[in-house]
Amino acid sequence: MKYAYLFIPGLVILALPMIKALVDGHKAKVAKKAQIAAKEAREAARREALRKANEAREAKKAAEEAAKAAMPKRKPGRPRKNPLPEERPQIISPDPQPVAQPAQIPEPAPKPVTYCGNNAFAGHVVAFTGTLPGMTRREAIEAVKKNGGTAFESMPAATTLLVVGDRPGTRKQDKADEWPSCRKITAEQFFIMLRMPLTFEPDAFVSFLGQRLANNNA
């Protein structure tokens, strides 16, 4: 037993690797924990920096929108090319001067046509083209019938007289020119035949009417 202390250095020498391994293992664990803590700290710092950057960006955007809303659309004093309706100056037009209207001359009333019952159209078939002043087509047909003739709205082949009024058509006039038994008279000649007790044939009536009109114009 008195030599037992001689084994202590050997035990120490043998225990040193174990102690060193334990110490190294502990240091490794501590270093690993430090690395993990540092990594977590860096991640937290990065997240905090991103949060602050986002907050700063949102605040800047909100400030720009507020400044844009508060800023006038155009610089003061600069005229607007197309001003708003409420900004346009009110132009007061002068009172229009009354324009003197020309005196309206009343048109003379058409003279009434008297049906003399003179048989001026006896034996004749009368047709009409155009309009007659102061008389409708139905009234003209009735006037011909009262004066001994026959009248139609259309133009039958037996027509002997074609009364040519205002704005006449060409179809009936062409037929009158083609049919040898048909003669054309004007609206004025038609009215004269209604008013005067004539029984002339168409050719004699035309010469008589021309002479009478020449006497009236003289």
Protein backbone atom coordinates (compact mmCIF):
# COMPACT_ATOMS: atom_id res chain seq x y z
CA MET A 1 0.00 0.00 0.00
CA LYS A 2 2.89 2.28 0.64
CA TYR A 3 3.64 2.18 -3.05
CA ALA A 4 0.09 2.91 -4.11
CA TYR A 5 0.79 6.60 -4.76
CA LEU A 6 3.08 5.51 -7.54
CA PHE A 7 0.00 4.54 -9.57
CA ILE A 8 -1.61 7.99 -9.26
CA PRO A 9 0.40 9.59 -12.10
CA GLY A 10 -0.47 6.67 -14.32
CA LEU A 11 -4.12 7.05 -13.54
CA VAL A 12 -3.90 10.73 -14.23
CA ILE A 13 -2.17 10.07 -17.52
CA LEU A 14 -4.85 7.59 -18.42
CA ALA A 15 -7.67 9.97 -17.34
CA LEU A 16 -6.32 12.95 -19.26
CA PRO A 17 -7.68 11.84 -22.70
CA MET A 18 -11.05 11.17 -21.21
CA ILE A 19 -11.09 14.54 -19.47
CA LYS A 20 -9.95 16.21 -22.69
CA ALA A 21 -12.68 14.45 -24.68
CA LEU A 22 -15.29 15.57 -22.18
CA VAL A 23 -13.99 19.13 -22.27
CA ASP A 24 -13.90 19.15 -26.10
CA GLY A 25 -17.40 17.72 -26.25
CA HIS A 26 -18.64 20.39 -23.91
CA LYS A 27 -16.91 23.10 -25.93
CA ALA A 28 -18.43 21.73 -29.13
CA LYS A 29 -21.89 21.77 -27.59
CA VAL A 30 -21.38 25.31 -26.39
CA ALA A 31 -20.09 26.41 -29.82
CA LYS A 32 -23.03 24.76 -31.57
CA LYS A 33 -25.48 26.43 -29.24
CA ALA A 34 -23.72 29.74 -29.88
CA GLN A 35 -23.97 29.22 -33.65
CA ILE A 36 -27.68 28.39 -33.38
CA ALA A 37 -28.27 31.43 -31.20
CA ALA A 38 -26.34 33.65 -33.61
CA LYS A 39 -28.30 32.30 -36.58
CA GLU A 40 -31.58 32.89 -34.80
CA ALA A 41 -30.45 36.40 -33.89
CA ARG A 42 -29.55 37.10 -37.53
CA GLU A 43 -32.94 35.80 -38.72
CA ALA A 44 -34.73 37.93 -36.13
CA ALA A 45 -32.70 40.97 -37.16
CA ARG A 46 -33.47 40.32 -40.84
CA ARG A 47 -37.18 39.97 -40.13
CA GLU A 48 -37.17 43.14 -38.07
CA ALA A 49 -35.35 45.01 -40.85
CA LEU A 50 -37.89 43.80 -43.42
CA ARG A 51 -40.76 44.83 -41.14
CA LYS A 52 -39.30 48.28 -40.65
CA ALA A 53 -38.64 48.62 -44.40
CA ASN A 54 -42.25 47.65 -45.18
CA GLU A 55 -43.58 50.08 -42.61
CA ALA A 56 -41.39 52.83 -44.02
CA ARG A 57 -42.53 52.07 -47.58
CA GLU A 58 -46.20 52.06 -46.55
CA ALA A 59 -45.75 55.32 -44.65
CA LYS A 60 -44.01 56.91 -47.65
CA LYS A 61 -46.77 55.74 -49.99
CA ALA A 62 -49.47 57.08 -47.69
CA ALA A 63 -47.63 60.41 -47.40
CA GLU A 64 -47.31 60.68 -51.20
CA GLU A 65 -51.02 59.96 -51.68
CA ALA A 66 -51.97 62.52 -49.04
CA ALA A 67 -49.67 65.11 -50.64
CA LYS A 68 -51.06 64.31 -54.09
CA ALA A 69 -54.63 64.70 -52.84
CA ALA A 70 -53.81 68.01 -51.15
CA MET A 71 -51.85 69.34 -54.13
CA PRO A 72 -53.90 71.48 -56.60
CA LYS A 73 -54.33 69.93 -60.01
CA ARG A 74 -52.92 72.96 -61.79
CA LYS A 75 -50.63 75.71 -60.70
CA PRO A 76 -52.46 78.80 -59.43
CA GLY A 77 -52.70 81.53 -62.02
CA ARG A 78 -52.23 79.24 -64.97
CA PRO A 79 -55.36 79.28 -67.18
CA ARG A 80 -57.03 76.00 -67.91
CA LYS A 81 -57.29 75.08 -71.54
CA ASN A 82 -60.69 73.53 -71.03
CA PRO A 83 -62.17 75.07 -67.86
CA LEU A 84 -64.90 73.31 -66.01
CA PRO A 85 -68.47 74.53 -66.59
CA GLU A 86 -68.58 76.21 -63.18
CA GLU A 87 -65.25 77.95 -63.90
CA ARG A 88 -66.28 79.36 -67.27
CA PRO A 89 -67.21 83.04 -67.35
CA GLN A 90 -70.86 83.71 -67.78
CA ILE A 91 -71.48 85.45 -71.09
CA ILE A 92 -74.56 87.61 -70.97
CA SER A 93 -75.88 88.02 -74.45
CA PRO A 94 -77.59 91.31 -75.23
CA ASP A 95 -81.30 91.30 -75.56
CA PRO A 96 -82.20 90.41 -79.12
CA GLN A 97 -83.61 93.32 -80.99
CA PRO A 98 -87.04 92.64 -82.34
CA VAL A 99 -86.92 92.08 -86.05
CA ALA A 100 -89.60 93.84 -87.95
CA GLN A 101 -91.62 91.24 -89.73
CA PRO A 102 -92.76 92.16 -93.21
CA ALA A 103 -96.41 92.77 -93.49
CA GLN A 104 -98.18 89.61 -94.46
CA ILE A 105 -100.20 90.18 -97.60
CA PRO A 106 -103.19 87.91 -97.46
CA GLU A 107 -103.55 85.73 -100.48
CA PRO A 108 -106.70 86.38 -102.43
CA ALA A 109 -109.31 83.75 -101.86
CA PRO A 110 -109.97 81.63 -104.94
CA LYS A 111 -113.00 82.68 -106.83
CA PRO A 112 -115.84 80.22 -106.43
CA VAL A 113 -116.64 78.28 -109.53
CA THR A 114 -120.27 78.46 -110.56
CA TYR A 115 -121.76 75.50 -112.33
CA CYS A 116 -123.95 77.04 -115.01
CA GLY A 117 -125.32 73.78 -116.29
CA ASN A 118 -124.43 74.90 -119.81
CA ASN A 119 -123.78 71.43 -121.24
CA ALA A 120 -120.31 72.63 -122.29
CA PHE A 121 -118.99 69.06 -121.85
CA ALA A 122 -121.91 67.31 -123.51
CA GLY A 123 -120.70 64.24 -125.37
CA HIS A 124 -117.20 64.50 -123.88
CA VAL A 125 -115.29 62.12 -121.63
CA VAL A 126 -113.00 64.22 -119.43
CA ALA A 127 -109.85 63.17 -117.54
CA PHE A 128 -107.56 65.21 -115.33
CA THR A 129 -103.82 65.39 -114.65
CA GLY A 130 -102.21 67.65 -112.07
CA THR A 131 -104.06 69.82 -109.55
CA LEU A 132 -106.67 72.48 -110.23
CA PRO A 133 -106.42 75.74 -108.23
CA GLY A 134 -109.32 76.13 -105.83
CA MET A 135 -110.98 72.86 -106.77
CA THR A 136 -110.50 69.25 -105.79
CA ARG A 137 -110.55 66.38 -108.25
CA ARG A 138 -113.93 65.19 -106.94
CA GLU A 139 -115.43 68.67 -107.35
CA ALA A 140 -114.10 68.87 -110.91
CA ILE A 141 -115.68 65.52 -111.79
CA GLU A 142 -119.03 66.67 -110.35
CA ALA A 143 -118.78 69.95 -112.31
CA VAL A 144 -118.25 68.06 -115.56
CA LYS A 145 -121.24 65.84 -114.84
CA LYS A 146 -123.44 68.89 -114.10
CA ASN A 147 -122.39 70.37 -117.43
CA GLY A 148 -123.42 67.35 -119.46
CA GLY A 149 -120.17 65.41 -119.63
CA THR A 150 -118.58 62.31 -118.13
CA ALA A 151 -115.39 62.44 -116.03
CA PHE A 152 -113.13 59.82 -114.45
CA GLU A 153 -110.21 59.70 -112.04
CA SER A 154 -108.36 57.54 -114.55
CA MET A 155 -108.00 58.09 -118.29
CA PRO A 156 -110.06 55.61 -120.29
CA ALA A 157 -109.52 55.03 -123.98
CA ALA A 158 -112.71 56.99 -124.82
CA THR A 159 -111.31 60.22 -123.30
CA THR A 160 -111.90 63.27 -125.49
CA LEU A 161 -110.63 66.06 -123.19
CA LEU A 162 -107.63 66.03 -120.84
CA VAL A 163 -107.51 68.92 -118.37
CA VAL A 164 -103.84 69.75 -117.60
CA GLY A 165 -103.46 71.43 -114.18
CA ASP A 166 -100.47 72.33 -112.01
CA ARG A 167 -97.63 69.79 -111.73
CA PRO A 168 -99.18 67.41 -114.26
CA GLY A 169 -97.99 63.91 -114.95
CA THR A 170 -96.47 62.82 -118.24
CA ARG A 171 -98.22 59.48 -118.70
CA LYS A 172 -101.68 60.90 -119.38
CA GLN A 173 -100.28 63.68 -121.56
CA ASP A 174 -98.42 61.13 -123.67
CA LYS A 175 -101.65 59.21 -124.13
CA ALA A 176 -103.45 62.41 -125.16
CA ASP A 177 -100.76 63.09 -127.74
CA GLU A 178 -101.06 59.56 -129.15
CA TRP A 179 -104.88 59.39 -129.25
CA PRO A 180 -106.28 61.47 -132.16
CA SER A 181 -109.70 61.81 -130.52
CA CYS A 182 -108.28 63.37 -127.32
CA ARG A 183 -107.53 67.08 -126.85
CA LYS A 184 -105.66 68.86 -124.04
CA ILE A 185 -106.97 72.03 -122.39
CA THR A 186 -105.56 74.09 -119.54
CA ALA A 187 -107.14 74.61 -116.12
CA GLU A 188 -108.06 78.19 -117.10
CA GLN A 189 -109.88 76.94 -120.19
CA PHE A 190 -111.67 74.35 -118.05
CA PHE A 191 -112.93 77.03 -115.64
CA ILE A 192 -114.07 79.27 -118.50
CA MET A 193 -116.05 76.38 -119.96
CA LEU A 194 -117.75 75.91 -116.58
CA ARG A 195 -118.68 79.60 -116.25
CA MET A 196 -119.77 80.35 -119.80
CA PRO A 197 -122.73 78.85 -121.66
CA LEU A 198 -120.65 77.40 -124.48
CA THR A 199 -121.46 74.43 -126.65
CA PHE A 200 -118.46 74.69 -129.00
CA GLU A 201 -116.43 71.77 -130.18
CA PRO A 202 -112.92 71.67 -128.75
CA ASP A 203 -111.21 73.16 -131.84
CA ALA A 204 -113.78 75.96 -132.15
CA PHE A 205 -113.61 76.55 -128.44
CA VAL A 206 -109.79 76.94 -128.51
CA SER A 207 -109.97 79.58 -131.26
CA PHE A 208 -112.78 81.37 -129.44
CA LEU A 209 -110.88 81.29 -126.16
CA GLY A 210 -107.73 82.66 -127.78
CA GLN A 211 -109.65 85.54 -129.24
CA ARG A 212 -111.33 86.29 -125.92
CA LEU A 213 -108.06 86.23 -124.00
CA ALA A 214 -106.54 88.57 -126.60
CA ASN A 215 -109.45 90.95 -126.10
CA ASN A 216 -109.04 90.83 -122.32
CA ASN A 217 -105.31 91.57 -122.58
CA ALA A 218 -105.87 94.48 -124.99
